Protein backbone atom coordinates (compact mmCIF):
# COMPACT_ATOMS: atom_id res chain seq x y z
CA MET A 1 37.07 -38.44 -46.19
CA GLY A 2 37.17 -37.01 -49.64
CA MET A 3 35.05 -37.15 -52.75
CA GLU A 4 35.68 -38.76 -56.08
CA THR A 5 33.60 -38.47 -59.23
CA ARG A 6 33.58 -41.08 -61.93
CA LYS A 7 30.85 -39.76 -64.15
CA ARG A 8 27.94 -40.49 -61.75
CA PRO A 9 27.44 -40.90 -58.74
CA ILE A 10 29.86 -39.15 -56.41
CA ASN A 11 31.68 -41.69 -54.24
CA SER A 12 33.21 -41.00 -50.86
CA ILE A 13 36.78 -42.18 -50.39
CA ILE A 14 39.05 -42.40 -47.36
CA ASN A 15 41.66 -39.68 -47.43
CA GLN A 16 45.13 -41.15 -46.86
CA SER A 17 46.80 -37.78 -46.23
CA ASN A 18 46.92 -35.66 -43.09
CA PRO A 19 43.84 -33.52 -42.32
CA ALA A 20 46.05 -30.41 -42.53
CA PRO A 21 49.64 -29.56 -43.47
CA ASP A 22 52.25 -30.62 -40.90
CA GLU A 23 53.17 -26.97 -40.31
CA LEU A 24 49.61 -26.24 -39.18
CA LEU A 25 49.34 -29.37 -37.06
CA LYS A 26 52.54 -28.35 -35.23
CA ILE A 27 51.05 -24.95 -34.39
CA ILE A 28 47.77 -26.18 -32.91
CA GLN A 29 49.19 -27.76 -29.79
CA CYS A 30 50.24 -26.30 -26.50
CA ASN A 31 53.51 -26.66 -24.71
CA CYS A 32 52.25 -25.37 -21.38
CA SER A 33 54.22 -26.57 -18.38
CA VAL A 34 52.18 -24.92 -15.63
CA GLY A 35 48.56 -24.96 -16.75
CA CYS A 36 46.14 -24.12 -19.52
CA GLU A 37 43.83 -21.76 -17.67
CA SER A 38 44.42 -18.65 -19.80
CA SER A 39 44.34 -17.79 -23.48
CA ARG A 40 48.15 -17.98 -23.48
CA CYS A 41 47.51 -21.69 -24.06
CA SER A 42 47.02 -22.11 -27.81
CA CYS A 43 44.71 -25.10 -27.30
CA ARG A 44 42.46 -23.12 -24.93
CA ARG A 45 42.53 -20.13 -27.30
CA TYR A 46 41.24 -22.25 -30.21
CA GLY A 47 38.76 -24.23 -28.10
CA LEU A 48 40.71 -27.49 -28.35
CA PRO A 49 41.21 -29.99 -25.52
CA TYR A 50 44.72 -31.27 -24.86
CA THR A 51 45.93 -34.09 -27.06
CA ALA A 52 48.86 -36.50 -27.15
CA VAL A 53 50.98 -33.85 -28.89
CA CYS A 54 50.54 -31.26 -26.14
CA GLY A 55 53.18 -30.37 -23.61
CA PRO A 56 53.71 -31.65 -20.07
CA CYS A 57 50.46 -30.14 -18.75
CA GLN A 58 48.50 -33.16 -19.94
CA THR A 59 47.95 -34.56 -16.48
CA GLU A 60 44.79 -35.06 -14.49
CA ASN A 61 45.35 -31.54 -13.12
CA CYS A 62 45.25 -29.92 -16.56
CA ASP A 63 42.95 -26.90 -16.78
CA ASN A 64 41.93 -27.88 -20.33
CA PRO A 65 41.13 -31.60 -20.04
CA ASN A 66 40.15 -33.88 -22.89
CA ASN A 67 36.61 -35.02 -22.06
CA SER A 68 36.22 -37.33 -25.04
CA GLN A 69 34.27 -40.56 -24.83
CA GLU A 70 35.71 -43.85 -26.01
CA VAL A 71 33.68 -45.25 -28.89
CA CYS A 72 35.34 -48.66 -29.08
CA SER A 73 38.06 -50.48 -27.24
CA GLU A 74 41.10 -52.20 -28.72
CA GLU A 75 39.40 -55.55 -28.35
CA ASP A 76 36.51 -54.32 -30.51
CA ALA A 77 38.67 -52.65 -33.16
CA ASP A 78 40.60 -54.33 -35.92
CA ASP A 79 43.49 -51.95 -35.42
CA THR A 80 45.13 -50.43 -32.36
CA ASP A 81 43.62 -46.94 -32.68
CA ASN A 82 40.72 -45.90 -30.44
CA LEU A 83 38.01 -43.68 -31.88
CA THR A 84 36.91 -40.71 -29.78
CA LEU A 85 34.15 -38.17 -30.08
């Protein structure tokens, strides 16, 4: 979300760009192949759970699991993306 002013009031708008530069988004992901139990894992170090861009550790045995909750299913959404908390 972003903000846009046209005299008054301030209107919120949907931001069509990435939340951060691609260079930064490439850094905040792990490529752990054994586990994410130590701060050697960049996701663990920054307090982030694994995501789809992480390395091969993203299995059910990952030491840094993604414990997000599904907000809506594909049947409920107009598009194919699921929202997570």
